[in-house]
Amino acid sequence: MNIRKFSLKHGLSLDTLRFYEKRKLLVPDRLANGYRSYQYIHEQKVKLIICLKSIGFSLEEIKQVIELETKPPSETCNIISNNLIDKKIDMINQQIQLLKYGKNTLLDIKKYIKDNSFIENQEAIQNMIENLYSLTRNIER
């Protein structure tokens, strides 16, 4: 499949696919004429990249996952994989906590608006915003 069809099928821009190729995340085959040719294996890899990006993996971390995939199973690979997974689980848990607090903050503000007590609760709202801000600063990046 050529780059245009591949990009349309997976909802990625041509520039993104070229960038992934440059970063050695997704290297398509090349035809005799130099055109890129994406096969089934590239589809599987791009799905992995999209999924990992959607749950917060950086491109560098995705590259590490892809490199680990190509290595034979070993104790070292297992340790590295588990450390990477544990780090992401911790980050996701922090994001969940932030989103829950953010949702509750918005629900409280909505209640204040509904009860016409928004002005009277400015201090409480400001405290909620400060707490939310603190949570955002504490999330591992």
Protein backbone atom coordinates (compact mmCIF):
# COMPACT_ATOMS: atom_id res chain seq x y z
CA MET A 1 0.00 0.00 0.00
CA ASN A 2 1.41 3.43 -0.86
CA ILE A 3 1.89 6.21 1.68
CA ARG A 4 -1.26 8.12 0.69
CA LYS A 5 -3.55 5.09 1.08
CA PHE A 6 -1.81 4.14 4.32
CA SER A 7 -2.20 7.65 5.73
CA LEU A 8 -5.90 7.77 4.85
CA LYS A 9 -6.54 4.31 6.26
CA HIS A 10 -4.94 5.14 9.61
CA GLY A 11 -5.83 8.82 9.89
CA LEU A 12 -2.26 10.07 9.91
CA SER A 13 -0.79 12.84 7.80
CA LEU A 14 1.88 12.17 5.21
CA ASP A 15 4.24 14.34 7.27
CA THR A 16 3.59 12.22 10.37
CA LEU A 17 4.40 9.02 8.49
CA ARG A 18 7.58 10.55 7.08
CA PHE A 19 8.50 11.75 10.58
CA TYR A 20 7.96 8.24 11.99
CA GLU A 21 10.17 6.89 9.24
CA LYS A 22 12.88 9.45 9.99
CA ARG A 23 12.74 8.53 13.70
CA LYS A 24 12.93 4.80 12.75
CA LEU A 25 9.56 4.07 14.35
CA LEU A 26 7.87 2.92 11.16
CA VAL A 27 10.15 2.17 8.23
CA PRO A 28 8.24 1.04 5.14
CA ASP A 29 9.67 -1.11 2.39
CA ARG A 30 10.86 0.67 -0.74
CA LEU A 31 9.87 -0.32 -4.24
CA ALA A 32 12.35 -0.28 -7.14
CA ASN A 33 11.13 3.21 -8.03
CA GLY A 34 11.84 4.43 -4.47
CA TYR A 35 8.19 4.70 -3.44
CA ARG A 36 7.23 3.62 0.05
CA SER A 37 5.30 0.38 0.37
CA TYR A 38 3.44 -0.41 3.57
CA GLN A 39 2.64 -4.02 4.36
CA TYR A 40 0.58 -5.82 7.01
CA ILE A 41 3.46 -5.65 9.49
CA HIS A 42 3.54 -1.85 9.14
CA GLU A 43 -0.19 -1.72 9.84
CA GLN A 44 0.34 -3.65 13.06
CA LYS A 45 3.19 -1.36 14.07
CA VAL A 46 1.27 1.86 13.32
CA LYS A 47 -1.67 0.56 15.38
CA LEU A 48 0.74 -0.02 18.27
CA ILE A 49 2.19 3.48 17.86
CA ILE A 50 -1.26 5.09 17.80
CA CYS A 51 -2.40 3.13 20.87
CA LEU A 52 0.73 3.88 22.88
CA LYS A 53 0.58 7.58 21.97
CA SER A 54 -3.05 7.72 23.05
CA ILE A 55 -2.17 6.49 26.55
CA GLY A 56 0.70 8.91 27.03
CA PHE A 57 3.81 7.23 25.68
CA SER A 58 6.37 9.62 24.21
CA LEU A 59 7.85 8.83 20.81
CA GLU A 60 11.13 7.97 22.54
CA GLU A 61 9.31 5.48 24.79
CA ILE A 62 7.48 4.04 21.78
CA LYS A 63 10.81 3.58 20.03
CA GLN A 64 12.06 1.76 23.12
CA VAL A 65 9.00 -0.55 23.05
CA ILE A 66 9.53 -1.28 19.36
CA GLU A 67 13.22 -2.02 19.95
CA LEU A 68 12.35 -4.33 22.86
CA GLU A 69 9.90 -6.17 20.58
CA THR A 70 12.69 -7.05 18.17
CA LYS A 71 15.01 -8.46 20.83
CA PRO A 72 14.92 -12.07 21.98
CA PRO A 73 13.21 -12.54 25.35
CA SER A 74 15.59 -12.05 28.27
CA GLU A 75 15.60 -11.08 31.92
CA THR A 76 16.96 -7.66 30.99
CA CYS A 77 14.16 -7.08 28.46
CA ASN A 78 11.59 -8.15 31.05
CA ILE A 79 12.98 -5.73 33.64
CA ILE A 80 13.08 -2.83 31.18
CA SER A 81 9.56 -3.63 29.92
CA ASN A 82 8.13 -3.90 33.43
CA ASN A 83 9.77 -0.63 34.51
CA LEU A 84 8.38 1.17 31.47
CA ILE A 85 4.90 -0.29 32.03
CA ASP A 86 4.94 0.52 35.77
CA LYS A 87 5.95 4.11 35.02
CA LYS A 88 3.07 4.49 32.56
CA ILE A 89 0.57 2.91 34.95
CA ASP A 90 1.63 5.41 37.64
CA MET A 91 1.26 8.29 35.18
CA ILE A 92 -2.20 7.08 34.07
CA ASN A 93 -3.31 6.76 37.71
CA GLN A 94 -2.18 10.34 38.34
CA GLN A 95 -4.07 11.52 35.27
CA ILE A 96 -7.20 9.67 36.40
CA GLN A 97 -6.93 11.36 39.81
CA LEU A 98 -6.53 14.75 38.12
CA LEU A 99 -9.50 14.16 35.80
CA LYS A 100 -11.73 13.01 38.66
CA TYR A 101 -10.83 16.06 40.72
CA GLY A 102 -11.31 18.28 37.69
CA LYS A 103 -14.73 16.77 37.01
CA ASN A 104 -15.80 17.25 40.63
CA THR A 105 -14.55 20.85 40.54
CA LEU A 106 -16.62 21.55 37.44
CA LEU A 107 -19.67 19.91 38.99
CA ASP A 108 -19.27 22.08 42.10
CA ILE A 109 -18.92 25.24 40.01
CA LYS A 110 -21.97 24.23 37.97
CA LYS A 111 -23.92 23.79 41.22
CA TYR A 112 -22.82 27.25 42.41
CA ILE A 113 -24.02 28.74 39.14
CA LYS A 114 -27.34 26.88 39.32
CA ASP A 115 -27.89 27.98 42.94
CA ASN A 116 -26.96 31.57 42.06
CA SER A 117 -24.20 31.36 44.66
CA PHE A 118 -21.22 31.68 42.33
CA ILE A 119 -20.16 35.08 43.70
CA GLU A 120 -20.49 33.97 47.34
CA ASN A 121 -18.29 30.95 46.63
CA GLN A 122 -15.43 32.69 44.82
CA GLU A 123 -12.97 31.78 47.57
CA ALA A 124 -13.99 28.10 47.48
CA ILE A 125 -13.73 28.10 43.69
CA GLN A 126 -10.30 29.70 43.83
CA ASN A 127 -9.18 27.04 46.34
CA MET A 128 -10.44 24.28 44.03
CA ILE A 129 -8.55 25.82 41.13
CA GLU A 130 -5.37 26.04 43.24
CA ASN A 131 -5.75 22.37 44.22
CA LEU A 132 -6.34 21.39 40.60
CA TYR A 133 -3.30 23.40 39.55
CA SER A 134 -1.19 21.63 42.19
CA LEU A 135 -2.31 18.26 40.88
CA THR A 136 -1.35 19.21 37.32
CA ARG A 137 2.12 20.22 38.48
CA ASN A 138 2.64 16.92 40.31
CA ILE A 139 1.92 14.65 37.36
CA GLU A 140 5.04 12.90 36.14
CA ARG A 141 6.03 13.96 32.68
